[in-house]
Amino acid sequence: MEEKSNAIWFNVAEDGAAKVIYEIYLAENDKLHIVYVQNNGSYVPYSFIKKLDPQWRLPVWCKENEKALLPTLESAKEYLISFR
């Protein structure tokens, strides 16, 4: 766990078989876009938004979208455009 853009980030891949290959913080919308690549070569994009949690002093980054598997990094970035 770490602080990332004034919110708590739990740095854990969903299934443990993926690593972050793209990350951008969108200050104008206060969102975090991250793309994971899985061992099988699929790209998994997520848009994160801040949510308050009474357990923590800072907000927590939470997924805004469901899991999507895409074939390329570019297609994953294009997918995230709809969450800006």
PDB file of N, CA and C in Angstrom:
ATOM      1  N   MET A   1       0.858  -1.160   0.000  1.00  0.00           N
ATOM      2  CA  MET A   1       0.000   0.000   0.000  1.00  0.00           C
ATOM      3  C   MET A   1       0.907   1.225   0.000  1.00  0.00           C
ATOM      4  N   GLU A   2       0.494   2.246  -0.755  1.00  0.00           N
ATOM      5  CA  GLU A   2       1.247   3.493  -0.812  1.00  0.00           C
ATOM      6  C   GLU A   2       0.309   4.648  -1.153  1.00  0.00           C
ATOM      7  N   GLU A   3       0.800   5.861  -0.956  1.00  0.00           N
ATOM      8  CA  GLU A   3       0.035   7.047  -1.338  1.00  0.00           C
ATOM      9  C   GLU A   3       0.376   7.364  -2.779  1.00  0.00           C
ATOM     10  N   LYS A   4      -0.673   7.573  -3.572  1.00  0.00           N
ATOM     11  CA  LYS A   4      -0.488   7.897  -4.984  1.00  0.00           C
ATOM     12  C   LYS A   4      -1.516   8.954  -5.343  1.00  0.00           C
ATOM     13  N   SER A   5      -1.049  10.162  -5.673  1.00  0.00           N
ATOM     14  CA  SER A   5      -1.929  11.269  -6.069  1.00  0.00           C
ATOM     15  C   SER A   5      -3.020  11.534  -5.033  1.00  0.00           C
ATOM     16  N   ASN A   6      -2.605  11.625  -3.793  1.00  0.00           N
ATOM     17  CA  ASN A   6      -3.490  11.959  -2.667  1.00  0.00           C
ATOM     18  C   ASN A   6      -4.588  10.936  -2.397  1.00  0.00           C
ATOM     19  N   ALA A   7      -4.301   9.688  -2.651  1.00  0.00           N
ATOM     20  CA  ALA A   7      -5.218   8.599  -2.310  1.00  0.00           C
ATOM     21  C   ALA A   7      -4.390   7.343  -2.034  1.00  0.00           C
ATOM     22  N   ILE A   8      -4.992   6.381  -1.376  1.00  0.00           N
ATOM     23  CA  ILE A   8      -4.299   5.141  -1.038  1.00  0.00           C
ATOM     24  C   ILE A   8      -4.378   4.181  -2.216  1.00  0.00           C
ATOM     25  N   TRP A   9      -3.232   3.647  -2.570  1.00  0.00           N
ATOM     26  CA  TRP A   9      -3.126   2.692  -3.673  1.00  0.00           C
ATOM     27  C   TRP A   9      -2.684   1.354  -3.103  1.00  0.00           C
ATOM     28  N   PHE A  10      -3.499   0.341  -3.330  1.00  0.00           N
ATOM     29  CA  PHE A  10      -3.136  -1.016  -2.942  1.00  0.00           C
ATOM     30  C   PHE A  10      -2.493  -1.646  -4.165  1.00  0.00           C
ATOM     31  N   ASN A  11      -1.187  -1.751  -4.145  1.00  0.00           N
ATOM     32  CA  ASN A  11      -0.413  -2.153  -5.318  1.00  0.00           C
ATOM     33  C   ASN A  11      -0.414  -3.667  -5.488  1.00  0.00           C
ATOM     34  N   VAL A  12      -1.580  -4.207  -5.823  1.00  0.00           N
ATOM     35  CA  VAL A  12      -1.717  -5.650  -5.973  1.00  0.00           C
ATOM     36  C   VAL A  12      -2.460  -5.931  -7.274  1.00  0.00           C
ATOM     37  N   ALA A  13      -1.841  -6.706  -8.168  1.00  0.00           N
ATOM     38  CA  ALA A  13      -2.522  -7.117  -9.388  1.00  0.00           C
ATOM     39  C   ALA A  13      -3.667  -8.040  -9.004  1.00  0.00           C
ATOM     40  N   GLU A  14      -4.748  -7.965  -9.758  1.00  0.00           N
ATOM     41  CA  GLU A  14      -5.953  -8.706  -9.400  1.00  0.00           C
ATOM     42  C   GLU A  14      -5.714 -10.209  -9.272  1.00  0.00           C
ATOM     43  N   ASP A  15      -4.989 -10.790 -10.195  1.00  0.00           N
ATOM     44  CA  ASP A  15      -4.778 -12.235 -10.137  1.00  0.00           C
ATOM     45  C   ASP A  15      -3.319 -12.614  -9.872  1.00  0.00           C
ATOM     46  N   GLY A  16      -2.464 -11.639  -9.649  1.00  0.00           N
ATOM     47  CA  GLY A  16      -1.065 -11.928  -9.354  1.00  0.00           C
ATOM     48  C   GLY A  16      -0.233 -12.291 -10.561  1.00  0.00           C
ATOM     49  N   ALA A  17      -0.851 -12.443 -11.718  1.00  0.00           N
ATOM     50  CA  ALA A  17      -0.137 -12.850 -12.927  1.00  0.00           C
ATOM     51  C   ALA A  17      -0.048 -11.696 -13.925  1.00  0.00           C
ATOM     52  N   ALA A  18      -0.029 -10.471 -13.430  1.00  0.00           N
ATOM     53  CA  ALA A  18       0.015  -9.311 -14.324  1.00  0.00           C
ATOM     54  C   ALA A  18       0.948  -8.260 -13.745  1.00  0.00           C
ATOM     55  N   LYS A  19       1.443  -7.393 -14.635  1.00  0.00           N
ATOM     56  CA  LYS A  19       2.273  -6.284 -14.164  1.00  0.00           C
ATOM     57  C   LYS A  19       1.831  -5.004 -14.856  1.00  0.00           C
ATOM     58  N   VAL A  20       2.035  -3.888 -14.180  1.00  0.00           N
ATOM     59  CA  VAL A  20       1.662  -2.580 -14.717  1.00  0.00           C
ATOM     60  C   VAL A  20       2.650  -2.193 -15.813  1.00  0.00           C
ATOM     61  N   ILE A  21       2.109  -1.821 -16.986  1.00  0.00           N
ATOM     62  CA  ILE A  21       2.994  -1.363 -18.061  1.00  0.00           C
ATOM     63  C   ILE A  21       2.655   0.057 -18.514  1.00  0.00           C
ATOM     64  N   TYR A  22       1.532   0.592 -18.043  1.00  0.00           N
ATOM     65  CA  TYR A  22       1.139   1.952 -18.407  1.00  0.00           C
ATOM     66  C   TYR A  22       0.366   2.544 -17.241  1.00  0.00           C
ATOM     67  N   GLU A  23       0.706   3.782 -16.910  1.00  0.00           N
ATOM     68  CA  GLU A  23       0.011   4.471 -15.818  1.00  0.00           C
ATOM     69  C   GLU A  23       0.009   5.965 -16.102  1.00  0.00           C
ATOM     70  N   ILE A  24      -1.152   6.589 -15.929  1.00  0.00           N
ATOM     71  CA  ILE A  24      -1.255   8.032 -16.088  1.00  0.00           C
ATOM     72  C   ILE A  24      -2.282   8.564 -15.098  1.00  0.00           C
ATOM     73  N   TYR A  25      -1.922   9.681 -14.448  1.00  0.00           N
ATOM     74  CA  TYR A  25      -2.848  10.348 -13.541  1.00  0.00           C
ATOM     75  C   TYR A  25      -3.470  11.512 -14.296  1.00  0.00           C
ATOM     76  N   LEU A  26      -4.798  11.577 -14.328  1.00  0.00           N
ATOM     77  CA  LEU A  26      -5.531  12.639 -15.021  1.00  0.00           C
ATOM     78  C   LEU A  26      -5.990  13.653 -13.974  1.00  0.00           C
ATOM     79  N   ALA A  27      -5.185  14.673 -13.777  1.00  0.00           N
ATOM     80  CA  ALA A  27      -5.459  15.662 -12.729  1.00  0.00           C
ATOM     81  C   ALA A  27      -6.779  16.385 -12.957  1.00  0.00           C
ATOM     82  N   GLU A  28      -7.118  16.662 -14.217  1.00  0.00           N
ATOM     83  CA  GLU A  28      -8.345  17.407 -14.512  1.00  0.00           C
ATOM     84  C   GLU A  28      -9.606  16.652 -14.081  1.00  0.00           C
ATOM     85  N   ASN A  29      -9.551  15.333 -14.064  1.00  0.00           N
ATOM     86  CA  ASN A  29     -10.695  14.508 -13.657  1.00  0.00           C
ATOM     87  C   ASN A  29     -10.437  13.748 -12.360  1.00  0.00           C
ATOM     88  N   ASP A  30      -9.232  13.880 -11.827  1.00  0.00           N
ATOM     89  CA  ASP A  30      -8.832  13.187 -10.611  1.00  0.00           C
ATOM     90  C   ASP A  30      -9.042  11.677 -10.741  1.00  0.00           C
ATOM     91  N   LYS A  31      -8.514  11.126 -11.838  1.00  0.00           N
ATOM     92  CA  LYS A  31      -8.606   9.687 -12.108  1.00  0.00           C
ATOM     93  C   LYS A  31      -7.219   9.128 -12.380  1.00  0.00           C
ATOM     94  N   LEU A  32      -7.085   7.838 -12.207  1.00  0.00           N
ATOM     95  CA  LEU A  32      -5.852   7.127 -12.460  1.00  0.00           C
ATOM     96  C   LEU A  32      -6.151   6.023 -13.469  1.00  0.00           C
ATOM     97  N   HIS A  33      -5.441   6.037 -14.597  1.00  0.00           N
ATOM     98  CA  HIS A  33      -5.608   4.995 -15.611  1.00  0.00           C
ATOM     99  C   HIS A  33      -4.377   4.105 -15.603  1.00  0.00           C
ATOM    100  N   ILE A  34      -4.619   2.806 -15.520  1.00  0.00           N
ATOM    101  CA  ILE A  34      -3.539   1.820 -15.459  1.00  0.00           C
ATOM    102  C   ILE A  34      -3.857   0.674 -16.408  1.00  0.00           C
ATOM    103  N   VAL A  35      -2.816   0.207 -17.109  1.00  0.00           N
ATOM    104  CA  VAL A  35      -2.957  -0.973 -17.967  1.00  0.00           C
ATOM    105  C   VAL A  35      -1.983  -2.027 -17.459  1.00  0.00           C
ATOM    106  N   TYR A  36      -2.512  -3.216 -17.211  1.00  0.00           N
ATOM    107  CA  TYR A  36      -1.709  -4.372 -16.830  1.00  0.00           C
ATOM    108  C   TYR A  36      -1.504  -5.242 -18.067  1.00  0.00           C
ATOM    109  N   VAL A  37      -0.381  -5.949 -18.127  1.00  0.00           N
ATOM    110  CA  VAL A  37      -0.209  -6.996 -19.131  1.00  0.00           C
ATOM    111  C   VAL A  37      -0.135  -8.313 -18.365  1.00  0.00           C
ATOM    112  N   GLN A  38      -0.919  -9.282 -18.844  1.00  0.00           N
ATOM    113  CA  GLN A  38      -0.943 -10.600 -18.216  1.00  0.00           C
ATOM    114  C   GLN A  38       0.116 -11.485 -18.843  1.00  0.00           C
ATOM    115  N   ASN A  39       0.437 -12.573 -18.174  1.00  0.00           N
ATOM    116  CA  ASN A  39       1.432 -13.512 -18.697  1.00  0.00           C
ATOM    117  C   ASN A  39       1.045 -14.080 -20.054  1.00  0.00           C
ATOM    118  N   ASN A  40      -0.259 -14.127 -20.353  1.00  0.00           N
ATOM    119  CA  ASN A  40      -0.713 -14.672 -21.632  1.00  0.00           C
ATOM    120  C   ASN A  40      -0.696 -13.629 -22.754  1.00  0.00           C
ATOM    121  N   GLY A  41      -0.234 -12.397 -22.462  1.00  0.00           N
ATOM    122  CA  GLY A  41      -0.127 -11.357 -23.477  1.00  0.00           C
ATOM    123  C   GLY A  41      -1.344 -10.461 -23.602  1.00  0.00           C
ATOM    124  N   SER A  42      -2.377 -10.687 -22.831  1.00  0.00           N
ATOM    125  CA  SER A  42      -3.570  -9.833 -22.854  1.00  0.00           C
ATOM    126  C   SER A  42      -3.324  -8.570 -22.041  1.00  0.00           C
ATOM    127  N   TYR A  43      -3.959  -7.480 -22.474  1.00  0.00           N
ATOM    128  CA  TYR A  43      -3.846  -6.199 -21.788  1.00  0.00           C
ATOM    129  C   TYR A  43      -5.152  -5.920 -21.055  1.00  0.00           C
ATOM    130  N   VAL A  44      -5.018  -5.505 -19.793  1.00  0.00           N
ATOM    131  CA  VAL A  44      -6.187  -5.289 -18.939  1.00  0.00           C
ATOM    132  C   VAL A  44      -6.167  -3.831 -18.460  1.00  0.00           C
ATOM    133  N   PRO A  45      -7.050  -2.981 -19.021  1.00  0.00           N
ATOM    134  CA  PRO A  45      -7.078  -1.571 -18.626  1.00  0.00           C
ATOM    135  C   PRO A  45      -8.085  -1.319 -17.503  1.00  0.00           C
ATOM    136  N   TYR A  46      -7.698  -0.459 -16.576  1.00  0.00           N
ATOM    137  CA  TYR A  46      -8.598  -0.048 -15.510  1.00  0.00           C
ATOM    138  C   TYR A  46      -8.538   1.457 -15.334  1.00  0.00           C
ATOM    139  N   SER A  47      -9.689   2.029 -15.071  1.00  0.00           N
ATOM    140  CA  SER A  47      -9.802   3.412 -14.664  1.00  0.00           C
ATOM    141  C   SER A  47     -10.135   3.389 -13.178  1.00  0.00           C
ATOM    142  N   PHE A  48      -9.392   4.165 -12.383  1.00  0.00           N
ATOM    143  CA  PHE A  48      -9.602   4.211 -10.941  1.00  0.00           C
ATOM    144  C   PHE A  48     -10.104   5.590 -10.539  1.00  0.00           C
ATOM    145  N   ILE A  49     -11.043   5.608  -9.607  1.00  0.00           N
ATOM    146  CA  ILE A  49     -11.559   6.849  -9.038  1.00  0.00           C
ATOM    147  C   ILE A  49     -11.366   6.789  -7.526  1.00  0.00           C
ATOM    148  N   LYS A  50     -11.395   7.950  -6.903  1.00  0.00           N
ATOM    149  CA  LYS A  50     -11.227   8.007  -5.450  1.00  0.00           C
ATOM    150  C   LYS A  50     -12.568   7.804  -4.757  1.00  0.00           C
ATOM    151  N   LYS A  51     -12.551   6.980  -3.714  1.00  0.00           N
ATOM    152  CA  LYS A  51     -13.740   6.769  -2.883  1.00  0.00           C
ATOM    153  C   LYS A  51     -13.328   6.882  -1.424  1.00  0.00           C
ATOM    154  N   LEU A  52     -14.215   7.453  -0.629  1.00  0.00           N
ATOM    155  CA  LEU A  52     -13.951   7.564   0.800  1.00  0.00           C
ATOM    156  C   LEU A  52     -14.204   6.233   1.480  1.00  0.00           C
ATOM    157  N   ASP A  53     -13.348   5.918   2.418  1.00  0.00           N
ATOM    158  CA  ASP A  53     -13.476   4.698   3.206  1.00  0.00           C
ATOM    159  C   ASP A  53     -13.212   5.090   4.656  1.00  0.00           C
ATOM    160  N   PRO A  54     -14.145   4.811   5.562  1.00  0.00           N
ATOM    161  CA  PRO A  54     -13.977   5.254   6.950  1.00  0.00           C
ATOM    162  C   PRO A  54     -12.758   4.654   7.654  1.00  0.00           C
ATOM    163  N   GLN A  55     -12.196   3.601   7.098  1.00  0.00           N
ATOM    164  CA  GLN A  55     -11.032   2.960   7.714  1.00  0.00           C
ATOM    165  C   GLN A  55      -9.750   3.768   7.487  1.00  0.00           C
ATOM    166  N   TRP A  56      -9.729   4.603   6.441  1.00  0.00           N
ATOM    167  CA  TRP A  56      -8.513   5.304   6.059  1.00  0.00           C
ATOM    168  C   TRP A  56      -8.692   6.811   6.137  1.00  0.00           C
ATOM    169  N   ARG A  57      -7.605   7.515   6.369  1.00  0.00           N
ATOM    170  CA  ARG A  57      -7.645   8.972   6.428  1.00  0.00           C
ATOM    171  C   ARG A  57      -7.707   9.586   5.037  1.00  0.00           C
ATOM    172  N   LEU A  58      -7.106   8.933   4.060  1.00  0.00           N
ATOM    173  CA  LEU A  58      -7.148   9.394   2.671  1.00  0.00           C
ATOM    174  C   LEU A  58      -8.183   8.580   1.906  1.00  0.00           C
ATOM    175  N   PRO A  59      -8.659   9.093   0.763  1.00  0.00           N
ATOM    176  CA  PRO A  59      -9.525   8.267  -0.084  1.00  0.00           C
ATOM    177  C   PRO A  59      -8.744   7.056  -0.606  1.00  0.00           C
ATOM    178  N   VAL A  60      -9.451   6.112  -1.159  1.00  0.00           N
ATOM    179  CA  VAL A  60      -8.864   4.885  -1.699  1.00  0.00           C
ATOM    180  C   VAL A  60      -9.140   4.838  -3.196  1.00  0.00           C
ATOM    181  N   TRP A  61      -8.138   4.431  -3.986  1.00  0.00           N
ATOM    182  CA  TRP A  61      -8.351   4.256  -5.426  1.00  0.00           C
ATOM    183  C   TRP A  61      -9.179   2.986  -5.648  1.00  0.00           C
ATOM    184  N   CYS A  62     -10.312   3.121  -6.349  1.00  0.00           N
ATOM    185  CA  CYS A  62     -11.213   1.996  -6.631  1.00  0.00           C
ATOM    186  C   CYS A  62     -11.474   1.910  -8.124  1.00  0.00           C
ATOM    187  N   LYS A  63     -11.632   0.701  -8.606  1.00  0.00           N
ATOM    188  CA  LYS A  63     -11.896   0.487 -10.040  1.00  0.00           C
ATOM    189  C   LYS A  63     -13.226   1.093 -10.438  1.00  0.00           C
ATOM    190  N   GLU A  64     -13.191   1.749 -11.591  1.00  0.00           N
ATOM    191  CA  GLU A  64     -14.404   2.350 -12.146  1.00  0.00           C
ATOM    192  C   GLU A  64     -15.046   1.434 -13.195  1.00  0.00           C
ATOM    193  N   ASN A  65     -14.275   0.533 -13.751  1.00  0.00           N
ATOM    194  CA  ASN A  65     -14.775  -0.329 -14.821  1.00  0.00           C
ATOM    195  C   ASN A  65     -14.565  -1.804 -14.482  1.00  0.00           C
ATOM    196  N   GLU A  66     -15.291  -2.630 -15.199  1.00  0.00           N
ATOM    197  CA  GLU A  66     -15.132  -4.080 -15.066  1.00  0.00           C
ATOM    198  C   GLU A  66     -13.892  -4.526 -15.848  1.00  0.00           C
ATOM    199  N   LYS A  67     -13.456  -5.749 -15.608  1.00  0.00           N
ATOM    200  CA  LYS A  67     -12.284  -6.286 -16.288  1.00  0.00           C
ATOM    201  C   LYS A  67     -12.554  -6.438 -17.778  1.00  0.00           C
ATOM    202  N   ALA A  68     -11.620  -5.955 -18.583  1.00  0.00           N
ATOM    203  CA  ALA A  68     -11.697  -6.087 -20.043  1.00  0.00           C
ATOM    204  C   ALA A  68     -10.346  -6.601 -20.529  1.00  0.00           C
ATOM    205  N   LEU A  69     -10.363  -7.585 -21.415  1.00  0.00           N
ATOM    206  CA  LEU A  69      -9.131  -8.115 -21.997  1.00  0.00           C
ATOM    207  C   LEU A  69      -9.003  -7.588 -23.420  1.00  0.00           C
ATOM    208  N   LEU A  70      -7.875  -6.974 -23.724  1.00  0.00           N
ATOM    209  CA  LEU A  70      -7.665  -6.402 -25.048  1.00  0.00           C
ATOM    210  C   LEU A  70      -6.352  -6.918 -25.623  1.00  0.00           C
ATOM    211  N   PRO A  71      -6.243  -6.929 -26.970  1.00  0.00           N
ATOM    212  CA  PRO A  71      -5.086  -7.568 -27.595  1.00  0.00           C
ATOM    213  C   PRO A  71      -3.813  -6.726 -27.645  1.00  0.00           C
ATOM    214  N   THR A  72      -3.924  -5.382 -27.557  1.00  0.00           N
ATOM    215  CA  THR A  72      -2.739  -4.537 -27.664  1.00  0.00           C
ATOM    216  C   THR A  72      -2.776  -3.424 -26.625  1.00  0.00           C
ATOM    217  N   LEU A  73      -1.619  -2.845 -26.361  1.00  0.00           N
ATOM    218  CA  LEU A  73      -1.542  -1.717 -25.448  1.00  0.00           C
ATOM    219  C   LEU A  73      -2.323  -0.533 -26.009  1.00  0.00           C
ATOM    220  N   GLU A  74      -2.225  -0.297 -27.304  1.00  0.00           N
ATOM    221  CA  GLU A  74      -2.954   0.820 -27.927  1.00  0.00           C
ATOM    222  C   GLU A  74      -4.461   0.648 -27.799  1.00  0.00           C
ATOM    223  N   SER A  75      -4.956  -0.564 -27.980  1.00  0.00           N
ATOM    224  CA  SER A  75      -6.398  -0.780 -27.830  1.00  0.00           C
ATOM    225  C   SER A  75      -6.829  -0.589 -26.372  1.00  0.00           C
ATOM    226  N   ALA A  76      -5.960  -0.933 -25.434  1.00  0.00           N
ATOM    227  CA  ALA A  76      -6.264  -0.723 -24.019  1.00  0.00           C
ATOM    228  C   ALA A  76      -6.322   0.773 -23.698  1.00  0.00           C
ATOM    229  N   LYS A  77      -5.394   1.555 -24.256  1.00  0.00           N
ATOM    230  CA  LYS A  77      -5.409   3.009 -24.051  1.00  0.00           C
ATOM    231  C   LYS A  77      -6.656   3.631 -24.667  1.00  0.00           C
ATOM    232  N   GLU A  78      -7.043   3.174 -25.847  1.00  0.00           N
ATOM    233  CA  GLU A  78      -8.254   3.674 -26.506  1.00  0.00           C
ATOM    234  C   GLU A  78      -9.496   3.367 -25.671  1.00  0.00           C
ATOM    235  N   TYR A  79      -9.535   2.194 -25.093  1.00  0.00           N
ATOM    236  CA  TYR A  79     -10.651   1.800 -24.229  1.00  0.00           C
ATOM    237  C   TYR A  79     -10.794   2.774 -23.057  1.00  0.00           C
ATOM    238  N   LEU A  80      -9.677   3.176 -22.481  1.00  0.00           N
ATOM    239  CA  LEU A  80      -9.700   4.070 -21.317  1.00  0.00           C
ATOM    240  C   LEU A  80     -10.168   5.483 -21.649  1.00  0.00           C
ATOM    241  N   ILE A  81     -10.115   5.875 -22.897  1.00  0.00           N
ATOM    242  CA  ILE A  81     -10.573   7.215 -23.295  1.00  0.00           C
ATOM    243  C   ILE A  81     -12.006   7.456 -22.874  1.00  0.00           C
ATOM    244  N   SER A  82     -12.837   6.439 -22.921  1.00  0.00           N
ATOM    245  CA  SER A  82     -14.246   6.604 -22.560  1.00  0.00           C
ATOM    246  C   SER A  82     -14.450   6.877 -21.062  1.00  0.00           C
ATOM    247  N   PHE A  83     -13.407   6.719 -20.260  1.00  0.00           N
ATOM    248  CA  PHE A  83     -13.498   6.958 -18.821  1.00  0.00           C
ATOM    249  C   PHE A  83     -12.852   8.274 -18.398  1.00  0.00           C
ATOM    250  N   ARG A  84     -12.605   9.155 -19.347  1.00  0.00           N
ATOM    251  CA  ARG A  84     -11.990  10.461 -19.014  1.00  0.00           C
ATOM    252  C   ARG A  84     -12.990  11.436 -18.531  1.00  0.00           C
TER     253      ARG A  84
END
